[in-house]
Amino acid sequence: MEIKIFIEQFEESLDGLEAGSVTEATAFKELKEWDSLAILTLTDTIDLEYGVLLKKADIELCDTVRSLFELVQSKV
């Protein structure tokens, strides 16, 4: 799994987020597009793409896109 692809999938999961606006250091919970629908869409994407079912509590432990990526990697 590559972080570049993960970031692209992350961006596609958040409605209204401009492509290329996220880096691995992005504090995603501070994005204006981050809401309950974004959580559902992102967890669905991660489940479909990586076979990892994250809970909201798992995501809340992460601060950056990189930490979320590492969490998913640890569960693959």
PDB file of N, CA and C in Angstrom:
ATOM      1  N   MET A   1       0.853  -1.167   0.000  1.00  0.00           N
ATOM      2  CA  MET A   1       0.000   0.000   0.000  1.00  0.00           C
ATOM      3  C   MET A   1       0.901   1.234   0.000  1.00  0.00           C
ATOM      4  N   GLU A   2       0.577   2.152  -0.873  1.00  0.00           N
ATOM      5  CA  GLU A   2       1.351   3.387  -0.969  1.00  0.00           C
ATOM      6  C   GLU A   2       0.568   4.563  -0.382  1.00  0.00           C
ATOM      7  N   ILE A   3       1.259   5.444   0.300  1.00  0.00           N
ATOM      8  CA  ILE A   3       0.598   6.595   0.911  1.00  0.00           C
ATOM      9  C   ILE A   3       0.002   7.517  -0.151  1.00  0.00           C
ATOM     10  N   LYS A   4       0.646   7.612  -1.308  1.00  0.00           N
ATOM     11  CA  LYS A   4       0.132   8.483  -2.371  1.00  0.00           C
ATOM     12  C   LYS A   4      -1.270   8.027  -2.799  1.00  0.00           C
ATOM     13  N   ILE A   5      -1.437   6.749  -2.993  1.00  0.00           N
ATOM     14  CA  ILE A   5      -2.747   6.209  -3.388  1.00  0.00           C
ATOM     15  C   ILE A   5      -3.745   6.392  -2.262  1.00  0.00           C
ATOM     16  N   PHE A   6      -3.301   6.162  -1.025  1.00  0.00           N
ATOM     17  CA  PHE A   6      -4.177   6.330   0.131  1.00  0.00           C
ATOM     18  C   PHE A   6      -4.678   7.773   0.221  1.00  0.00           C
ATOM     19  N   ILE A   7      -3.793   8.732  -0.024  1.00  0.00           N
ATOM     20  CA  ILE A   7      -4.175  10.148   0.019  1.00  0.00           C
ATOM     21  C   ILE A   7      -5.199  10.453  -1.069  1.00  0.00           C
ATOM     22  N   GLU A   8      -5.001   9.915  -2.258  1.00  0.00           N
ATOM     23  CA  GLU A   8      -5.963  10.126  -3.345  1.00  0.00           C
ATOM     24  C   GLU A   8      -7.335   9.568  -2.966  1.00  0.00           C
ATOM     25  N   GLN A   9      -7.354   8.391  -2.363  1.00  0.00           N
ATOM     26  CA  GLN A   9      -8.614   7.790  -1.933  1.00  0.00           C
ATOM     27  C   GLN A   9      -9.250   8.610  -0.811  1.00  0.00           C
ATOM     28  N   PHE A  10      -8.422   9.123   0.075  1.00  0.00           N
ATOM     29  CA  PHE A  10      -8.910   9.978   1.158  1.00  0.00           C
ATOM     30  C   PHE A  10      -9.581  11.216   0.576  1.00  0.00           C
ATOM     31  N   GLU A  11      -8.913  11.855  -0.369  1.00  0.00           N
ATOM     32  CA  GLU A  11      -9.462  13.066  -0.990  1.00  0.00           C
ATOM     33  C   GLU A  11     -10.785  12.789  -1.701  1.00  0.00           C
ATOM     34  N   GLU A  12     -10.870  11.656  -2.374  1.00  0.00           N
ATOM     35  CA  GLU A  12     -12.098  11.297  -3.081  1.00  0.00           C
ATOM     36  C   GLU A  12     -13.243  11.006  -2.113  1.00  0.00           C
ATOM     37  N   SER A  13     -12.914  10.590  -0.907  1.00  0.00           N
ATOM     38  CA  SER A  13     -13.935  10.244   0.083  1.00  0.00           C
ATOM     39  C   SER A  13     -14.596  11.466   0.716  1.00  0.00           C
ATOM     40  N   LEU A  14     -13.912  12.592   0.702  1.00  0.00           N
ATOM     41  CA  LEU A  14     -14.454  13.795   1.326  1.00  0.00           C
ATOM     42  C   LEU A  14     -15.066  14.699   0.268  1.00  0.00           C
ATOM     43  N   ASP A  15     -16.365  14.822   0.315  1.00  0.00           N
ATOM     44  CA  ASP A  15     -17.103  15.621  -0.654  1.00  0.00           C
ATOM     45  C   ASP A  15     -16.682  17.086  -0.574  1.00  0.00           C
ATOM     46  N   GLY A  16     -16.309  17.644  -1.725  1.00  0.00           N
ATOM     47  CA  GLY A  16     -15.939  19.050  -1.794  1.00  0.00           C
ATOM     48  C   GLY A  16     -14.469  19.321  -1.586  1.00  0.00           C
ATOM     49  N   LEU A  17     -13.689  18.277  -1.316  1.00  0.00           N
ATOM     50  CA  LEU A  17     -12.259  18.452  -1.092  1.00  0.00           C
ATOM     51  C   LEU A  17     -11.533  18.465  -2.429  1.00  0.00           C
ATOM     52  N   GLU A  18     -10.719  19.473  -2.636  1.00  0.00           N
ATOM     53  CA  GLU A  18      -9.987  19.626  -3.895  1.00  0.00           C
ATOM     54  C   GLU A  18      -8.843  18.617  -3.978  1.00  0.00           C
ATOM     55  N   ALA A  19      -8.730  17.953  -5.119  1.00  0.00           N
ATOM     56  CA  ALA A  19      -7.652  16.992  -5.340  1.00  0.00           C
ATOM     57  C   ALA A  19      -6.301  17.684  -5.204  1.00  0.00           C
ATOM     58  N   GLY A  20      -5.377  17.035  -4.522  1.00  0.00           N
ATOM     59  CA  GLY A  20      -4.048  17.584  -4.328  1.00  0.00           C
ATOM     60  C   GLY A  20      -3.919  18.516  -3.144  1.00  0.00           C
ATOM     61  N   SER A  21      -4.998  18.685  -2.383  1.00  0.00           N
ATOM     62  CA  SER A  21      -4.956  19.620  -1.257  1.00  0.00           C
ATOM     63  C   SER A  21      -4.546  18.957   0.062  1.00  0.00           C
ATOM     64  N   VAL A  22      -4.386  17.642   0.051  1.00  0.00           N
ATOM     65  CA  VAL A  22      -4.052  16.904   1.267  1.00  0.00           C
ATOM     66  C   VAL A  22      -2.649  16.323   1.142  1.00  0.00           C
ATOM     67  N   THR A  23      -1.906  16.389   2.245  1.00  0.00           N
ATOM     68  CA  THR A  23      -0.600  15.730   2.329  1.00  0.00           C
ATOM     69  C   THR A  23      -0.651  14.751   3.484  1.00  0.00           C
ATOM     70  N   GLU A  24       0.407  14.004   3.654  1.00  0.00           N
ATOM     71  CA  GLU A  24       0.407  13.053   4.763  1.00  0.00           C
ATOM     72  C   GLU A  24       0.434  13.759   6.121  1.00  0.00           C
ATOM     73  N   ALA A  25       0.833  15.007   6.164  1.00  0.00           N
ATOM     74  CA  ALA A  25       0.877  15.767   7.417  1.00  0.00           C
ATOM     75  C   ALA A  25      -0.424  16.509   7.714  1.00  0.00           C
ATOM     76  N   THR A  26      -1.397  16.430   6.822  1.00  0.00           N
ATOM     77  CA  THR A  26      -2.665  17.137   7.006  1.00  0.00           C
ATOM     78  C   THR A  26      -3.384  16.630   8.256  1.00  0.00           C
ATOM     79  N   ALA A  27      -3.768  17.562   9.101  1.00  0.00           N
ATOM     80  CA  ALA A  27      -4.596  17.244  10.272  1.00  0.00           C
ATOM     81  C   ALA A  27      -6.045  17.183   9.776  1.00  0.00           C
ATOM     82  N   PHE A  28      -6.451  15.992   9.367  1.00  0.00           N
ATOM     83  CA  PHE A  28      -7.708  15.845   8.639  1.00  0.00           C
ATOM     84  C   PHE A  28      -8.954  16.225   9.445  1.00  0.00           C
ATOM     85  N   LYS A  29      -8.902  16.111  10.749  1.00  0.00           N
ATOM     86  CA  LYS A  29     -10.080  16.466  11.559  1.00  0.00           C
ATOM     87  C   LYS A  29     -10.319  17.976  11.586  1.00  0.00           C
ATOM     88  N   GLU A  30      -9.350  18.758  11.125  1.00  0.00           N
ATOM     89  CA  GLU A  30      -9.497  20.209  11.064  1.00  0.00           C
ATOM     90  C   GLU A  30     -10.025  20.692   9.709  1.00  0.00           C
ATOM     91  N   LEU A  31     -10.168  19.784   8.766  1.00  0.00           N
ATOM     92  CA  LEU A  31     -10.695  20.151   7.455  1.00  0.00           C
ATOM     93  C   LEU A  31     -12.180  20.474   7.571  1.00  0.00           C
ATOM     94  N   LYS A  32     -12.628  21.509   6.867  1.00  0.00           N
ATOM     95  CA  LYS A  32     -14.046  21.879   6.926  1.00  0.00           C
ATOM     96  C   LYS A  32     -14.932  20.787   6.342  1.00  0.00           C
ATOM     97  N   GLU A  33     -14.377  19.931   5.474  1.00  0.00           N
ATOM     98  CA  GLU A  33     -15.141  18.843   4.863  1.00  0.00           C
ATOM     99  C   GLU A  33     -15.274  17.630   5.787  1.00  0.00           C
ATOM    100  N   TRP A  34     -14.549  17.627   6.900  1.00  0.00           N
ATOM    101  CA  TRP A  34     -14.576  16.495   7.814  1.00  0.00           C
ATOM    102  C   TRP A  34     -15.839  16.549   8.666  1.00  0.00           C
ATOM    103  N   ASP A  35     -16.720  15.588   8.454  1.00  0.00           N
ATOM    104  CA  ASP A  35     -17.964  15.502   9.216  1.00  0.00           C
ATOM    105  C   ASP A  35     -18.366  14.031   9.324  1.00  0.00           C
ATOM    106  N   SER A  36     -19.544  13.771   9.872  1.00  0.00           N
ATOM    107  CA  SER A  36     -19.970  12.384  10.083  1.00  0.00           C
ATOM    108  C   SER A  36     -20.128  11.626   8.769  1.00  0.00           C
ATOM    109  N   LEU A  37     -20.566  12.302   7.716  1.00  0.00           N
ATOM    110  CA  LEU A  37     -20.680  11.652   6.415  1.00  0.00           C
ATOM    111  C   LEU A  37     -19.293  11.287   5.874  1.00  0.00           C
ATOM    112  N   ALA A  38     -18.324  12.143   6.091  1.00  0.00           N
ATOM    113  CA  ALA A  38     -16.954  11.866   5.654  1.00  0.00           C
ATOM    114  C   ALA A  38     -16.403  10.632   6.369  1.00  0.00           C
ATOM    115  N   ILE A  39     -16.706  10.500   7.640  1.00  0.00           N
ATOM    116  CA  ILE A  39     -16.253   9.327   8.398  1.00  0.00           C
ATOM    117  C   ILE A  39     -16.848   8.055   7.799  1.00  0.00           C
ATOM    118  N   LEU A  40     -18.139   8.069   7.537  1.00  0.00           N
ATOM    119  CA  LEU A  40     -18.803   6.897   6.957  1.00  0.00           C
ATOM    120  C   LEU A  40     -18.240   6.556   5.577  1.00  0.00           C
ATOM    121  N   THR A  41     -18.074   7.571   4.754  1.00  0.00           N
ATOM    122  CA  THR A  41     -17.559   7.350   3.402  1.00  0.00           C
ATOM    123  C   THR A  41     -16.133   6.831   3.446  1.00  0.00           C
ATOM    124  N   LEU A  42     -15.320   7.409   4.310  1.00  0.00           N
ATOM    125  CA  LEU A  42     -13.924   6.984   4.414  1.00  0.00           C
ATOM    126  C   LEU A  42     -13.812   5.560   4.949  1.00  0.00           C
ATOM    127  N   THR A  43     -14.564   5.224   5.973  1.00  0.00           N
ATOM    128  CA  THR A  43     -14.500   3.860   6.506  1.00  0.00           C
ATOM    129  C   THR A  43     -14.978   2.851   5.476  1.00  0.00           C
ATOM    130  N   ASP A  44     -15.970   3.215   4.682  1.00  0.00           N
ATOM    131  CA  ASP A  44     -16.439   2.339   3.611  1.00  0.00           C
ATOM    132  C   ASP A  44     -15.358   2.147   2.556  1.00  0.00           C
ATOM    133  N   THR A  45     -14.706   3.228   2.161  1.00  0.00           N
ATOM    134  CA  THR A  45     -13.624   3.158   1.174  1.00  0.00           C
ATOM    135  C   THR A  45     -12.485   2.275   1.674  1.00  0.00           C
ATOM    136  N   ILE A  46     -12.093   2.454   2.918  1.00  0.00           N
ATOM    137  CA  ILE A  46     -10.998   1.664   3.497  1.00  0.00           C
ATOM    138  C   ILE A  46     -11.384   0.191   3.563  1.00  0.00           C
ATOM    139  N   ASP A  47     -12.629  -0.082   3.921  1.00  0.00           N
ATOM    140  CA  ASP A  47     -13.104  -1.467   3.969  1.00  0.00           C
ATOM    141  C   ASP A  47     -13.060  -2.098   2.579  1.00  0.00           C
ATOM    142  N   LEU A  48     -13.554  -1.383   1.578  1.00  0.00           N
ATOM    143  CA  LEU A  48     -13.585  -1.918   0.211  1.00  0.00           C
ATOM    144  C   LEU A  48     -12.190  -2.078  -0.386  1.00  0.00           C
ATOM    145  N   GLU A  49     -11.327  -1.098  -0.175  1.00  0.00           N
ATOM    146  CA  GLU A  49     -10.004  -1.111  -0.792  1.00  0.00           C
ATOM    147  C   GLU A  49      -8.987  -1.995  -0.072  1.00  0.00           C
ATOM    148  N   TYR A  50      -9.086  -2.062   1.260  1.00  0.00           N
ATOM    149  CA  TYR A  50      -8.052  -2.733   2.038  1.00  0.00           C
ATOM    150  C   TYR A  50      -8.572  -3.878   2.909  1.00  0.00           C
ATOM    151  N   GLY A  51      -9.901  -4.038   2.979  1.00  0.00           N
ATOM    152  CA  GLY A  51     -10.469  -5.093   3.807  1.00  0.00           C
ATOM    153  C   GLY A  51     -10.312  -4.830   5.292  1.00  0.00           C
ATOM    154  N   VAL A  52     -10.213  -3.569   5.644  1.00  0.00           N
ATOM    155  CA  VAL A  52     -10.040  -3.167   7.043  1.00  0.00           C
ATOM    156  C   VAL A  52     -11.265  -2.372   7.467  1.00  0.00           C
ATOM    157  N   LEU A  53     -11.937  -2.850   8.502  1.00  0.00           N
ATOM    158  CA  LEU A  53     -13.106  -2.149   9.009  1.00  0.00           C
ATOM    159  C   LEU A  53     -12.702  -1.346  10.237  1.00  0.00           C
ATOM    160  N   LEU A  54     -12.645  -0.024  10.073  1.00  0.00           N
ATOM    161  CA  LEU A  54     -12.284   0.865  11.177  1.00  0.00           C
ATOM    162  C   LEU A  54     -13.533   1.340  11.893  1.00  0.00           C
ATOM    163  N   LYS A  55     -13.390   1.516  13.181  1.00  0.00           N
ATOM    164  CA  LYS A  55     -14.460   2.102  13.978  1.00  0.00           C
ATOM    165  C   LYS A  55     -14.162   3.591  14.142  1.00  0.00           C
ATOM    166  N   LYS A  56     -15.189   4.333  14.467  1.00  0.00           N
ATOM    167  CA  LYS A  56     -15.013   5.775  14.678  1.00  0.00           C
ATOM    168  C   LYS A  56     -13.944   6.036  15.741  1.00  0.00           C
ATOM    169  N   ALA A  57     -13.937   5.213  16.788  1.00  0.00           N
ATOM    170  CA  ALA A  57     -12.954   5.379  17.865  1.00  0.00           C
ATOM    171  C   ALA A  57     -11.524   5.194  17.353  1.00  0.00           C
ATOM    172  N   ASP A  58     -11.338   4.278  16.392  1.00  0.00           N
ATOM    173  CA  ASP A  58     -10.008   4.076  15.799  1.00  0.00           C
ATOM    174  C   ASP A  58      -9.554   5.346  15.095  1.00  0.00           C
ATOM    175  N   ILE A  59     -10.455   5.919  14.307  1.00  0.00           N
ATOM    176  CA  ILE A  59     -10.126   7.123  13.540  1.00  0.00           C
ATOM    177  C   ILE A  59      -9.840   8.295  14.471  1.00  0.00           C
ATOM    178  N   GLU A  60     -10.574   8.380  15.565  1.00  0.00           N
ATOM    179  CA  GLU A  60     -10.387   9.491  16.503  1.00  0.00           C
ATOM    180  C   GLU A  60      -9.009   9.473  17.151  1.00  0.00           C
ATOM    181  N   LEU A  61      -8.348   8.318  17.166  1.00  0.00           N
ATOM    182  CA  LEU A  61      -6.996   8.229  17.731  1.00  0.00           C
ATOM    183  C   LEU A  61      -5.941   8.809  16.797  1.00  0.00           C
ATOM    184  N   CYS A  62      -6.298   9.006  15.547  1.00  0.00           N
ATOM    185  CA  CYS A  62      -5.362   9.516  14.549  1.00  0.00           C
ATOM    186  C   CYS A  62      -5.480  11.033  14.430  1.00  0.00           C
ATOM    187  N   ASP A  63      -4.337  11.677  14.157  1.00  0.00           N
ATOM    188  CA  ASP A  63      -4.323  13.130  14.009  1.00  0.00           C
ATOM    189  C   ASP A  63      -4.056  13.579  12.579  1.00  0.00           C
ATOM    190  N   THR A  64      -3.232  12.803  11.882  1.00  0.00           N
ATOM    191  CA  THR A  64      -2.855  13.184  10.519  1.00  0.00           C
ATOM    192  C   THR A  64      -3.234  12.072   9.541  1.00  0.00           C
ATOM    193  N   VAL A  65      -3.190  12.401   8.275  1.00  0.00           N
ATOM    194  CA  VAL A  65      -3.452  11.395   7.250  1.00  0.00           C
ATOM    195  C   VAL A  65      -2.402  10.282   7.362  1.00  0.00           C
ATOM    196  N   ARG A  66      -1.164  10.638   7.667  1.00  0.00           N
ATOM    197  CA  ARG A  66      -0.104   9.633   7.845  1.00  0.00           C
ATOM    198  C   ARG A  66      -0.443   8.663   8.977  1.00  0.00           C
ATOM    199  N   SER A  67      -0.913   9.171  10.111  1.00  0.00           N
ATOM    200  CA  SER A  67      -1.239   8.283  11.228  1.00  0.00           C
ATOM    201  C   SER A  67      -2.428   7.383  10.890  1.00  0.00           C
ATOM    202  N   LEU A  68      -3.364   7.895  10.110  1.00  0.00           N
ATOM    203  CA  LEU A  68      -4.491   7.078   9.657  1.00  0.00           C
ATOM    204  C   LEU A  68      -3.998   5.987   8.707  1.00  0.00           C
ATOM    205  N   PHE A  69      -3.122   6.354   7.801  1.00  0.00           N
ATOM    206  CA  PHE A  69      -2.509   5.406   6.871  1.00  0.00           C
ATOM    207  C   PHE A  69      -1.793   4.294   7.642  1.00  0.00           C
ATOM    208  N   GLU A  70      -1.019   4.661   8.637  1.00  0.00           N
ATOM    209  CA  GLU A  70      -0.282   3.676   9.443  1.00  0.00           C
ATOM    210  C   GLU A  70      -1.224   2.766  10.212  1.00  0.00           C
ATOM    211  N   LEU A  71      -2.335   3.301  10.683  1.00  0.00           N
ATOM    212  CA  LEU A  71      -3.333   2.485  11.368  1.00  0.00           C
ATOM    213  C   LEU A  71      -3.896   1.436  10.423  1.00  0.00           C
ATOM    214  N   VAL A  72      -4.256   1.866   9.225  1.00  0.00           N
ATOM    215  CA  VAL A  72      -4.794   0.924   8.237  1.00  0.00           C
ATOM    216  C   VAL A  72      -3.744  -0.126   7.892  1.00  0.00           C
ATOM    217  N   GLN A  73      -2.510   0.288   7.691  1.00  0.00           N
ATOM    218  CA  GLN A  73      -1.432  -0.656   7.386  1.00  0.00           C
ATOM    219  C   GLN A  73      -1.256  -1.695   8.487  1.00  0.00           C
ATOM    220  N   SER A  74      -1.409  -1.274   9.720  1.00  0.00           N
ATOM    221  CA  SER A  74      -1.209  -2.199  10.852  1.00  0.00           C
ATOM    222  C   SER A  74      -2.309  -3.253  10.926  1.00  0.00           C
ATOM    223  N   LYS A  75      -3.431  -3.018  10.260  1.00  0.00           N
ATOM    224  CA  LYS A  75      -4.559  -3.935  10.315  1.00  0.00           C
ATOM    225  C   LYS A  75      -4.722  -4.779   9.052  1.00  0.00           C
ATOM    226  N   VAL A  76      -3.905  -4.495   8.029  1.00  0.00           N
ATOM    227  CA  VAL A  76      -4.015  -5.245   6.763  1.00  0.00           C
ATOM    228  C   VAL A  76      -3.461  -6.641   6.961  1.00  0.00           C
TER     229      VAL A  76
END
